[in-house]
Amino acid sequence: MSTYALTVTCRSTRGIVAAIATFLAENECNITDSAQFDDKETGNFFMRVSFESTASVDLARLSEGFAQAADPFDMNYEFHDETVKMKVVIMVSRFGHCLNDLLYRWRIGALPIDIVAVISNHMEYQKVVVNHDIPFHCIKVTPENKPDAEARIMSVIEDTGAELIVLARYMQILSDEMCQKMSGRIINIHHSFLPSFKGANPYKQAFQRGVKLIGATSHYVTADLDEGPIIEQDIVRVTHAQSPNDYVSLGRDVESQVLARAIHAHIHRRVFLNGNKTVVFPASPGSYASERMG
């Protein structure tokens, strides 16, 4: 039995849930999971529905037929086949912990994505990527060639049909133009010390200040550096007895886990942009174990 997802955003009003449930029932679809959020501050409504059908489902026809139910509520909606893996491009520089973690999760099936390419501005990870039978592109970036380099990056994205770009510790700032063009489709990871500990050696700075918590934040990329809508965060406790190297090791672990969970939420269409914030619906019980893995 095939599984599908319907995502809906619109202004909050009475009757939305009933209209969705009625339409799916009339089209021989059975709802297996449903989550919704009514934002009282903005008046916006968000909903994600998983459903199955014993009958053959043509998503294009289903979407077309849903318009009659959606129009009275001015819904923005999309239907998705949950068996189709999202095409993803990963970008990395010289820190490989997030890349290696994602490759492992992908290889064992814990992260159901289609990695169509890895792009780096260095050559360190060419061998590990190629050994996974994934195309590797080294696109060096300098102040002089940055527009050309970014054009080459966009060419890889467009040629592969990638729907999501993951910055797995990619240490180059993307242009405003690229951020706007790929809005809601680029996910980044960084340590949660920002803006307290900027620049080089943030973990050393944290150690010198005697912090008790370190963590990581994964967010969508916008033109405002490291200020995009947050998808996922986590922390780990540290003590006075630990060294700066311990901070780095623990920080890399939490960065890897947070990035993987953010990607998992995005590919399952559980993340909704809500102004400068996000609405993130929890994973269904069937996918919870793989998402928390690691």
C-alpha atoms as a PDB file:
ATOM      1  CA  MET A   1       0.000   0.000   0.000  1.00  0.00           C
ATOM      2  CA  SER A   2       1.471   3.365  -1.041  1.00  0.00           C
ATOM      3  CA  THR A   3       1.767   6.237   1.404  1.00  0.00           C
ATOM      4  CA  TYR A   4       1.379   9.911   0.613  1.00  0.00           C
ATOM      5  CA  ALA A   5       1.500  13.259   2.358  1.00  0.00           C
ATOM      6  CA  LEU A   6      -0.552  16.414   1.972  1.00  0.00           C
ATOM      7  CA  THR A   7       0.782  19.741   3.283  1.00  0.00           C
ATOM      8  CA  VAL A   8      -1.486  22.753   3.688  1.00  0.00           C
ATOM      9  CA  THR A   9      -1.015  26.386   4.727  1.00  0.00           C
ATOM     10  CA  CYS A  10      -3.687  29.054   4.763  1.00  0.00           C
ATOM     11  CA  ARG A  11      -5.426  31.593   6.975  1.00  0.00           C
ATOM     12  CA  SER A  12      -7.086  30.049   9.987  1.00  0.00           C
ATOM     13  CA  THR A  13     -10.827  29.612   9.814  1.00  0.00           C
ATOM     14  CA  ARG A  14     -13.501  27.068  10.670  1.00  0.00           C
ATOM     15  CA  GLY A  15     -13.961  23.956   8.521  1.00  0.00           C
ATOM     16  CA  ILE A  16     -10.451  23.411   7.101  1.00  0.00           C
ATOM     17  CA  VAL A  17      -9.820  20.042   8.750  1.00  0.00           C
ATOM     18  CA  ALA A  18     -13.286  18.794   7.893  1.00  0.00           C
ATOM     19  CA  ALA A  19     -12.862  19.761   4.229  1.00  0.00           C
ATOM     20  CA  ILE A  20      -9.523  17.924   3.998  1.00  0.00           C
ATOM     21  CA  ALA A  21     -10.752  14.787   5.752  1.00  0.00           C
ATOM     22  CA  THR A  22     -13.931  14.665   3.672  1.00  0.00           C
ATOM     23  CA  PHE A  23     -12.041  14.988   0.395  1.00  0.00           C
ATOM     24  CA  LEU A  24      -9.599  12.208   1.272  1.00  0.00           C
ATOM     25  CA  ALA A  25     -12.381   9.886   2.421  1.00  0.00           C
ATOM     26  CA  GLU A  26     -14.351  10.482  -0.766  1.00  0.00           C
ATOM     27  CA  ASN A  27     -11.249   9.545  -2.772  1.00  0.00           C
ATOM     28  CA  GLU A  28     -10.723   6.212  -0.952  1.00  0.00           C
ATOM     29  CA  CYS A  29      -7.795   7.519   1.105  1.00  0.00           C
ATOM     30  CA  ASN A  30      -7.231   6.563   4.732  1.00  0.00           C
ATOM     31  CA  ILE A  31      -5.530   9.092   7.056  1.00  0.00           C
ATOM     32  CA  THR A  32      -2.727   7.439   9.047  1.00  0.00           C
ATOM     33  CA  ASP A  33      -1.146  10.481  10.696  1.00  0.00           C
ATOM     34  CA  SER A  34      -2.195  14.104  11.071  1.00  0.00           C
ATOM     35  CA  ALA A  35      -0.680  17.206  12.658  1.00  0.00           C
ATOM     36  CA  GLN A  36      -1.900  20.782  12.672  1.00  0.00           C
ATOM     37  CA  PHE A  37      -1.053  24.137  14.217  1.00  0.00           C
ATOM     38  CA  ASP A  38      -3.163  27.267  14.468  1.00  0.00           C
ATOM     39  CA  ASP A  39      -0.881  30.276  15.050  1.00  0.00           C
ATOM     40  CA  LYS A  40      -2.919  32.707  17.127  1.00  0.00           C
ATOM     41  CA  GLU A  41      -0.372  35.514  16.660  1.00  0.00           C
ATOM     42  CA  THR A  42      -0.303  35.488  12.862  1.00  0.00           C
ATOM     43  CA  GLY A  43      -3.653  33.883  12.090  1.00  0.00           C
ATOM     44  CA  ASN A  44      -1.936  31.271   9.933  1.00  0.00           C
ATOM     45  CA  PHE A  45      -2.909  27.599   9.826  1.00  0.00           C
ATOM     46  CA  PHE A  46      -0.538  24.704   9.071  1.00  0.00           C
ATOM     47  CA  MET A  47      -1.385  21.051   8.519  1.00  0.00           C
ATOM     48  CA  ARG A  48       0.353  17.868   7.411  1.00  0.00           C
ATOM     49  CA  VAL A  49      -1.566  14.679   6.693  1.00  0.00           C
ATOM     50  CA  SER A  50      -0.187  11.223   5.881  1.00  0.00           C
ATOM     51  CA  PHE A  51      -2.579   8.895   4.111  1.00  0.00           C
ATOM     52  CA  GLU A  52      -2.750   5.558   2.297  1.00  0.00           C
ATOM     53  CA  SER A  53      -4.905   4.196  -0.457  1.00  0.00           C
ATOM     54  CA  THR A  54      -5.637   0.692  -1.674  1.00  0.00           C
ATOM     55  CA  ALA A  55      -6.638   2.183  -5.017  1.00  0.00           C
ATOM     56  CA  SER A  56      -4.227   3.496  -7.632  1.00  0.00           C
ATOM     57  CA  VAL A  57      -3.471   7.152  -6.892  1.00  0.00           C
ATOM     58  CA  ASP A  58      -2.589   9.718  -9.536  1.00  0.00           C
ATOM     59  CA  LEU A  59      -1.208  12.616  -7.479  1.00  0.00           C
ATOM     60  CA  ALA A  60      -1.647  15.120 -10.302  1.00  0.00           C
ATOM     61  CA  ARG A  61      -5.338  14.242 -10.630  1.00  0.00           C
ATOM     62  CA  LEU A  62      -5.761  14.155  -6.862  1.00  0.00           C
ATOM     63  CA  SER A  63      -4.200  17.618  -6.587  1.00  0.00           C
ATOM     64  CA  GLU A  64      -6.403  18.936  -9.360  1.00  0.00           C
ATOM     65  CA  GLY A  65      -9.495  17.502  -7.719  1.00  0.00           C
ATOM     66  CA  PHE A  66      -8.535  18.967  -4.334  1.00  0.00           C
ATOM     67  CA  ALA A  67      -8.706  22.504  -5.743  1.00  0.00           C
ATOM     68  CA  GLN A  68     -12.465  22.586  -5.290  1.00  0.00           C
ATOM     69  CA  ALA A  69     -12.091  21.855  -1.560  1.00  0.00           C
ATOM     70  CA  ALA A  70      -9.091  24.180  -1.173  1.00  0.00           C
ATOM     71  CA  ASP A  71     -10.377  27.263  -3.013  1.00  0.00           C
ATOM     72  CA  PRO A  72     -12.896  28.440  -0.368  1.00  0.00           C
ATOM     73  CA  PHE A  73     -10.049  28.551   2.165  1.00  0.00           C
ATOM     74  CA  ASP A  74      -7.403  29.908  -0.238  1.00  0.00           C
ATOM     75  CA  MET A  75      -5.140  26.980   0.686  1.00  0.00           C
ATOM     76  CA  ASN A  76      -1.567  26.593  -0.482  1.00  0.00           C
ATOM     77  CA  TYR A  77      -1.154  22.834  -0.743  1.00  0.00           C
ATOM     78  CA  GLU A  78       1.020  20.063  -2.146  1.00  0.00           C
ATOM     79  CA  PHE A  79       0.635  16.299  -2.464  1.00  0.00           C
ATOM     80  CA  HIS A  80       3.736  14.111  -2.113  1.00  0.00           C
ATOM     81  CA  ASP A  81       4.540  10.457  -2.706  1.00  0.00           C
ATOM     82  CA  GLU A  82       6.422   9.477   0.462  1.00  0.00           C
ATOM     83  CA  THR A  83       8.222   6.631  -1.304  1.00  0.00           C
ATOM     84  CA  VAL A  84      10.033   9.057  -3.634  1.00  0.00           C
ATOM     85  CA  LYS A  85      13.376  10.117  -2.144  1.00  0.00           C
ATOM     86  CA  MET A  86      14.289  13.807  -2.244  1.00  0.00           C
ATOM     87  CA  LYS A  87      17.350  14.665  -4.343  1.00  0.00           C
ATOM     88  CA  VAL A  88      20.021  16.306  -2.185  1.00  0.00           C
ATOM     89  CA  VAL A  89      23.347  18.047  -2.853  1.00  0.00           C
ATOM     90  CA  ILE A  90      25.765  18.170   0.088  1.00  0.00           C
ATOM     91  CA  MET A  91      28.376  20.922   0.318  1.00  0.00           C
ATOM     92  CA  VAL A  92      31.429  20.638   2.582  1.00  0.00           C
ATOM     93  CA  SER A  93      34.774  22.312   3.204  1.00  0.00           C
ATOM     94  CA  ARG A  94      37.489  20.883   5.487  1.00  0.00           C
ATOM     95  CA  PHE A  95      35.460  19.696   8.507  1.00  0.00           C
ATOM     96  CA  GLY A  96      34.083  16.283   7.531  1.00  0.00           C
ATOM     97  CA  HIS A  97      32.201  15.084  10.598  1.00  0.00           C
ATOM     98  CA  CYS A  98      28.758  16.081   9.310  1.00  0.00           C
ATOM     99  CA  LEU A  99      29.452  14.742   5.813  1.00  0.00           C
ATOM    100  CA  ASN A 100      30.645  11.386   7.157  1.00  0.00           C
ATOM    101  CA  ASP A 101      27.660  11.141   9.473  1.00  0.00           C
ATOM    102  CA  LEU A 102      25.210  11.850   6.655  1.00  0.00           C
ATOM    103  CA  LEU A 103      26.889   9.328   4.360  1.00  0.00           C
ATOM    104  CA  TYR A 104      26.632   6.675   7.075  1.00  0.00           C
ATOM    105  CA  ARG A 105      22.962   7.384   7.794  1.00  0.00           C
ATOM    106  CA  TRP A 106      22.230   7.386   4.061  1.00  0.00           C
ATOM    107  CA  ARG A 107      24.104   4.107   3.532  1.00  0.00           C
ATOM    108  CA  ILE A 108      22.200   2.217   6.257  1.00  0.00           C
ATOM    109  CA  GLY A 109      18.837   3.688   5.220  1.00  0.00           C
ATOM    110  CA  ALA A 110      18.305   5.850   8.316  1.00  0.00           C
ATOM    111  CA  LEU A 111      18.202   8.970   6.151  1.00  0.00           C
ATOM    112  CA  PRO A 112      16.072   8.210   3.069  1.00  0.00           C
ATOM    113  CA  ILE A 113      17.475  10.702   0.567  1.00  0.00           C
ATOM    114  CA  ASP A 114      19.041  10.519  -2.886  1.00  0.00           C
ATOM    115  CA  ILE A 115      22.481  12.166  -2.653  1.00  0.00           C
ATOM    116  CA  VAL A 116      23.033  13.299  -6.238  1.00  0.00           C
ATOM    117  CA  ALA A 117      26.314  15.164  -5.676  1.00  0.00           C
ATOM    118  CA  VAL A 118      28.817  16.439  -3.138  1.00  0.00           C
ATOM    119  CA  ILE A 119      30.415  19.827  -3.763  1.00  0.00           C
ATOM    120  CA  SER A 120      33.521  21.057  -1.976  1.00  0.00           C
ATOM    121  CA  ASN A 121      35.983  23.904  -2.290  1.00  0.00           C
ATOM    122  CA  HIS A 122      38.748  21.457  -1.284  1.00  0.00           C
ATOM    123  CA  MET A 123      39.823  17.947  -2.303  1.00  0.00           C
ATOM    124  CA  GLU A 124      40.022  16.263   1.126  1.00  0.00           C
ATOM    125  CA  TYR A 125      36.807  14.249   0.778  1.00  0.00           C
ATOM    126  CA  GLN A 126      36.938  13.291  -2.887  1.00  0.00           C
ATOM    127  CA  LYS A 127      37.966   9.685  -2.197  1.00  0.00           C
ATOM    128  CA  VAL A 128      35.362   8.979   0.491  1.00  0.00           C
ATOM    129  CA  VAL A 129      32.608  10.454  -1.696  1.00  0.00           C
ATOM    130  CA  VAL A 130      33.638   8.628  -4.861  1.00  0.00           C
ATOM    131  CA  ASN A 131      33.906   5.378  -2.875  1.00  0.00           C
ATOM    132  CA  HIS A 132      30.192   5.808  -2.159  1.00  0.00           C
ATOM    133  CA  ASP A 133      29.540   6.075  -5.928  1.00  0.00           C
ATOM    134  CA  ILE A 134      28.448   9.683  -5.533  1.00  0.00           C
ATOM    135  CA  PRO A 135      29.637  12.377  -7.990  1.00  0.00           C
ATOM    136  CA  PHE A 136      32.179  14.755  -6.421  1.00  0.00           C
ATOM    137  CA  HIS A 137      32.704  18.315  -7.649  1.00  0.00           C
ATOM    138  CA  CYS A 138      35.633  20.425  -6.443  1.00  0.00           C
ATOM    139  CA  ILE A 139      34.738  24.064  -7.050  1.00  0.00           C
ATOM    140  CA  LYS A 140      37.357  26.326  -5.549  1.00  0.00           C
ATOM    141  CA  VAL A 141      36.175  29.732  -4.361  1.00  0.00           C
ATOM    142  CA  THR A 142      38.249  32.913  -4.207  1.00  0.00           C
ATOM    143  CA  PRO A 143      37.200  36.553  -3.912  1.00  0.00           C
ATOM    144  CA  GLU A 144      38.039  36.959  -7.598  1.00  0.00           C
ATOM    145  CA  ASN A 145      36.125  33.949  -8.979  1.00  0.00           C
ATOM    146  CA  LYS A 146      33.197  33.805  -6.558  1.00  0.00           C
ATOM    147  CA  PRO A 147      30.442  34.725  -9.074  1.00  0.00           C
ATOM    148  CA  ASP A 148      31.756  32.125 -11.535  1.00  0.00           C
ATOM    149  CA  ALA A 149      32.142  29.495  -8.792  1.00  0.00           C
ATOM    150  CA  GLU A 150      28.595  30.064  -7.613  1.00  0.00           C
ATOM    151  CA  ALA A 151      27.332  29.788 -11.181  1.00  0.00           C
ATOM    152  CA  ARG A 152      29.061  26.398 -11.411  1.00  0.00           C
ATOM    153  CA  ILE A 153      27.461  25.338  -8.137  1.00  0.00           C
ATOM    154  CA  MET A 154      24.029  26.334  -9.419  1.00  0.00           C
ATOM    155  CA  SER A 155      24.723  24.403 -12.620  1.00  0.00           C
ATOM    156  CA  VAL A 156      25.337  21.211 -10.606  1.00  0.00           C
ATOM    157  CA  ILE A 157      22.149  21.820  -8.614  1.00  0.00           C
ATOM    158  CA  GLU A 158      20.050  22.382 -11.729  1.00  0.00           C
ATOM    159  CA  ASP A 159      21.606  19.528 -13.734  1.00  0.00           C
ATOM    160  CA  THR A 160      20.981  17.016 -10.927  1.00  0.00           C
ATOM    161  CA  GLY A 161      17.473  18.263 -10.186  1.00  0.00           C
ATOM    162  CA  ALA A 162      18.393  18.702  -6.518  1.00  0.00           C
ATOM    163  CA  GLU A 163      15.531  19.839  -4.307  1.00  0.00           C
ATOM    164  CA  LEU A 164      17.609  20.437  -1.160  1.00  0.00           C
ATOM    165  CA  ILE A 165      21.110  21.803  -0.528  1.00  0.00           C
ATOM    166  CA  VAL A 166      22.830  20.816   2.723  1.00  0.00           C
ATOM    167  CA  LEU A 167      25.739  22.906   3.990  1.00  0.00           C
ATOM    168  CA  ALA A 168      27.582  20.257   6.011  1.00  0.00           C
ATOM    169  CA  ARG A 169      30.130  22.704   7.420  1.00  0.00           C
ATOM    170  CA  TYR A 170      30.636  24.481   4.105  1.00  0.00           C
ATOM    171  CA  MET A 171      32.695  27.496   5.088  1.00  0.00           C
ATOM    172  CA  GLN A 172      31.842  29.900   2.262  1.00  0.00           C
ATOM    173  CA  ILE A 173      29.201  32.626   2.418  1.00  0.00           C
ATOM    174  CA  LEU A 174      26.559  32.268  -0.290  1.00  0.00           C
ATOM    175  CA  SER A 175      25.474  35.329  -2.237  1.00  0.00           C
ATOM    176  CA  ASP A 176      22.200  37.096  -1.487  1.00  0.00           C
ATOM    177  CA  GLU A 177      21.026  36.149  -4.977  1.00  0.00           C
ATOM    178  CA  MET A 178      21.565  32.435  -4.385  1.00  0.00           C
ATOM    179  CA  CYS A 179      19.963  32.595  -0.930  1.00  0.00           C
ATOM    180  CA  GLN A 180      16.868  34.227  -2.387  1.00  0.00           C
ATOM    181  CA  LYS A 181      16.680  31.889  -5.375  1.00  0.00           C
ATOM    182  CA  MET A 182      16.959  28.809  -3.144  1.00  0.00           C
ATOM    183  CA  SER A 183      14.862  30.154  -0.270  1.00  0.00           C
ATOM    184  CA  GLY A 184      13.627  27.343   1.979  1.00  0.00           C
ATOM    185  CA  ARG A 185      15.842  24.819   0.165  1.00  0.00           C
ATOM    186  CA  ILE A 186      19.247  25.337   1.822  1.00  0.00           C
ATOM    187  CA  ILE A 187      19.915  23.951   5.312  1.00  0.00           C
ATOM    188  CA  ASN A 188      22.975  24.974   7.344  1.00  0.00           C
ATOM    189  CA  ILE A 189      24.517  23.814  10.618  1.00  0.00           C
ATOM    190  CA  HIS A 190      26.546  25.857  13.092  1.00  0.00           C
ATOM    191  CA  HIS A 191      27.538  25.834  16.724  1.00  0.00           C
ATOM    192  CA  SER A 192      25.033  27.539  18.984  1.00  0.00           C
ATOM    193  CA  PHE A 193      27.567  29.978  20.412  1.00  0.00           C
ATOM    194  CA  LEU A 194      26.643  32.538  17.763  1.00  0.00           C
ATOM    195  CA  PRO A 195      26.612  35.446  18.187  1.00  0.00           C
ATOM    196  CA  SER A 196      28.458  35.140  21.535  1.00  0.00           C
ATOM    197  CA  PHE A 197      31.540  33.423  20.146  1.00  0.00           C
ATOM    198  CA  LYS A 198      32.214  34.510  16.589  1.00  0.00           C
ATOM    199  CA  GLY A 199      35.295  34.052  14.463  1.00  0.00           C
ATOM    200  CA  ALA A 200      38.038  31.470  14.874  1.00  0.00           C
ATOM    201  CA  ASN A 201      38.100  28.782  17.564  1.00  0.00           C
ATOM    202  CA  PRO A 202      34.597  29.243  19.021  1.00  0.00           C
ATOM    203  CA  TYR A 203      35.020  26.185  21.254  1.00  0.00           C
ATOM    204  CA  LYS A 204      38.241  27.591  22.685  1.00  0.00           C
ATOM    205  CA  GLN A 205      36.452  30.873  23.373  1.00  0.00           C
ATOM    206  CA  ALA A 206      33.666  28.963  25.093  1.00  0.00           C
ATOM    207  CA  PHE A 207      36.188  27.041  27.181  1.00  0.00           C
ATOM    208  CA  GLN A 208      37.882  30.264  28.255  1.00  0.00           C
ATOM    209  CA  ARG A 209      34.525  31.683  29.340  1.00  0.00           C
ATOM    210  CA  GLY A 210      33.639  28.558  31.334  1.00  0.00           C
ATOM    211  CA  VAL A 211      30.378  27.727  29.586  1.00  0.00           C
ATOM    212  CA  LYS A 212      28.310  24.829  30.926  1.00  0.00           C
ATOM    213  CA  LEU A 213      26.316  24.055  27.782  1.00  0.00           C
ATOM    214  CA  ILE A 214      27.433  23.706  24.183  1.00  0.00           C
ATOM    215  CA  GLY A 215      25.191  22.926  21.275  1.00  0.00           C
ATOM    216  CA  ALA A 216      24.270  23.303  17.638  1.00  0.00           C
ATOM    217  CA  THR A 217      21.616  24.964  15.512  1.00  0.00           C
ATOM    218  CA  SER A 218      20.347  23.934  12.080  1.00  0.00           C
ATOM    219  CA  HIS A 219      18.468  26.539  10.075  1.00  0.00           C
ATOM    220  CA  TYR A 220      17.421  27.609   6.617  1.00  0.00           C
ATOM    221  CA  VAL A 221      19.905  29.879   4.889  1.00  0.00           C
ATOM    222  CA  THR A 222      18.925  33.466   4.198  1.00  0.00           C
ATOM    223  CA  ALA A 223      20.790  36.573   3.119  1.00  0.00           C
ATOM    224  CA  ASP A 224      21.190  37.424   6.824  1.00  0.00           C
ATOM    225  CA  LEU A 225      24.192  35.328   7.845  1.00  0.00           C
ATOM    226  CA  ASP A 226      23.298  32.585  10.360  1.00  0.00           C
ATOM    227  CA  GLU A 227      19.948  34.224  11.124  1.00  0.00           C
ATOM    228  CA  GLY A 228      17.589  32.094   9.039  1.00  0.00           C
ATOM    229  CA  PRO A 229      14.524  30.289  10.409  1.00  0.00           C
ATOM    230  CA  ILE A 230      15.624  27.633  12.924  1.00  0.00           C
ATOM    231  CA  ILE A 231      14.655  24.008  12.255  1.00  0.00           C
ATOM    232  CA  GLU A 232      16.420  22.017  14.990  1.00  0.00           C
ATOM    233  CA  GLN A 233      18.659  22.603  18.018  1.00  0.00           C
ATOM    234  CA  ASP A 234      20.273  20.509  20.736  1.00  0.00           C
ATOM    235  CA  ILE A 235      22.768  20.864  23.574  1.00  0.00           C
ATOM    236  CA  VAL A 236      25.218  18.831  25.657  1.00  0.00           C
ATOM    237  CA  ARG A 237      26.532  19.663  29.123  1.00  0.00           C
ATOM    238  CA  VAL A 238      30.227  20.273  29.769  1.00  0.00           C
ATOM    239  CA  THR A 239      32.163  20.770  32.994  1.00  0.00           C
ATOM    240  CA  HIS A 240      35.228  22.579  34.244  1.00  0.00           C
ATOM    241  CA  ALA A 241      37.139  19.276  34.104  1.00  0.00           C
ATOM    242  CA  GLN A 242      36.898  19.009  30.319  1.00  0.00           C
ATOM    243  CA  SER A 243      39.410  20.407  27.850  1.00  0.00           C
ATOM    244  CA  PRO A 244      38.937  22.521  24.700  1.00  0.00           C
ATOM    245  CA  ASN A 245      39.460  19.329  22.674  1.00  0.00           C
ATOM    246  CA  ASP A 246      36.597  17.704  24.591  1.00  0.00           C
ATOM    247  CA  TYR A 247      34.415  20.670  23.667  1.00  0.00           C
ATOM    248  CA  VAL A 248      35.307  20.233  19.998  1.00  0.00           C
ATOM    249  CA  SER A 249      34.559  16.493  20.075  1.00  0.00           C
ATOM    250  CA  LEU A 250      31.224  16.908  21.843  1.00  0.00           C
ATOM    251  CA  GLY A 251      30.340  19.849  19.605  1.00  0.00           C
ATOM    252  CA  ARG A 252      30.949  17.840  16.452  1.00  0.00           C
ATOM    253  CA  ASP A 253      28.712  15.038  17.719  1.00  0.00           C
ATOM    254  CA  VAL A 254      25.822  17.348  18.470  1.00  0.00           C
ATOM    255  CA  GLU A 255      26.264  19.218  15.166  1.00  0.00           C
ATOM    256  CA  SER A 256      26.004  15.938  13.247  1.00  0.00           C
ATOM    257  CA  GLN A 257      22.876  14.833  15.082  1.00  0.00           C
ATOM    258  CA  VAL A 258      21.112  18.181  14.793  1.00  0.00           C
ATOM    259  CA  LEU A 259      21.822  18.467  11.063  1.00  0.00           C
ATOM    260  CA  ALA A 260      20.561  14.929  10.407  1.00  0.00           C
ATOM    261  CA  ARG A 261      17.328  15.597  12.306  1.00  0.00           C
ATOM    262  CA  ALA A 262      16.758  18.867  10.456  1.00  0.00           C
ATOM    263  CA  ILE A 263      17.202  17.128   7.101  1.00  0.00           C
ATOM    264  CA  HIS A 264      14.905  14.299   8.185  1.00  0.00           C
ATOM    265  CA  ALA A 265      12.177  16.779   9.113  1.00  0.00           C
ATOM    266  CA  HIS A 266      12.553  18.684   5.828  1.00  0.00           C
ATOM    267  CA  ILE A 267      12.490  15.673   3.496  1.00  0.00           C
ATOM    268  CA  HIS A 268       9.316  14.411   5.165  1.00  0.00           C
ATOM    269  CA  ARG A 269       7.696  17.831   4.658  1.00  0.00           C
ATOM    270  CA  ARG A 270       7.256  18.423   8.371  1.00  0.00           C
ATOM    271  CA  VAL A 271       8.802  21.903   8.309  1.00  0.00           C
ATOM    272  CA  PHE A 272       6.708  24.951   7.434  1.00  0.00           C
ATOM    273  CA  LEU A 273       8.073  28.464   7.121  1.00  0.00           C
ATOM    274  CA  ASN A 274       6.191  30.865   9.366  1.00  0.00           C
ATOM    275  CA  GLY A 275       7.717  34.293   8.819  1.00  0.00           C
ATOM    276  CA  ASN A 276      11.134  34.326  10.506  1.00  0.00           C
ATOM    277  CA  LYS A 277      10.295  31.090  12.345  1.00  0.00           C
ATOM    278  CA  THR A 278       9.322  27.547  11.464  1.00  0.00           C
ATOM    279  CA  VAL A 279       6.562  25.177  12.419  1.00  0.00           C
ATOM    280  CA  VAL A 280       8.072  21.678  12.781  1.00  0.00           C
ATOM    281  CA  PHE A 281       5.658  18.796  13.279  1.00  0.00           C
ATOM    282  CA  PRO A 282       7.008  15.775  15.214  1.00  0.00           C
ATOM    283  CA  ALA A 283       7.931  12.600  13.403  1.00  0.00           C
ATOM    284  CA  SER A 284       5.375   9.843  13.161  1.00  0.00           C
ATOM    285  CA  PRO A 285       6.119   6.774  15.348  1.00  0.00           C
ATOM    286  CA  GLY A 286       7.342   4.755  12.366  1.00  0.00           C
ATOM    287  CA  SER A 287      10.153   7.155  11.542  1.00  0.00           C
ATOM    288  CA  TYR A 288      11.087   8.288  15.044  1.00  0.00           C
ATOM    289  CA  ALA A 289      13.744   5.662  15.681  1.00  0.00           C
ATOM    290  CA  SER A 290      15.697   6.393  12.513  1.00  0.00           C
ATOM    291  CA  GLU A 291      15.493  10.124  13.013  1.00  0.00           C
ATOM    292  CA  ARG A 292      16.896   9.963  16.542  1.00  0.00           C
ATOM    293  CA  MET A 293      19.549   7.478  15.565  1.00  0.00           C
ATOM    294  CA  GLY A 294      23.095   8.452  16.468  1.00  0.00           C
END
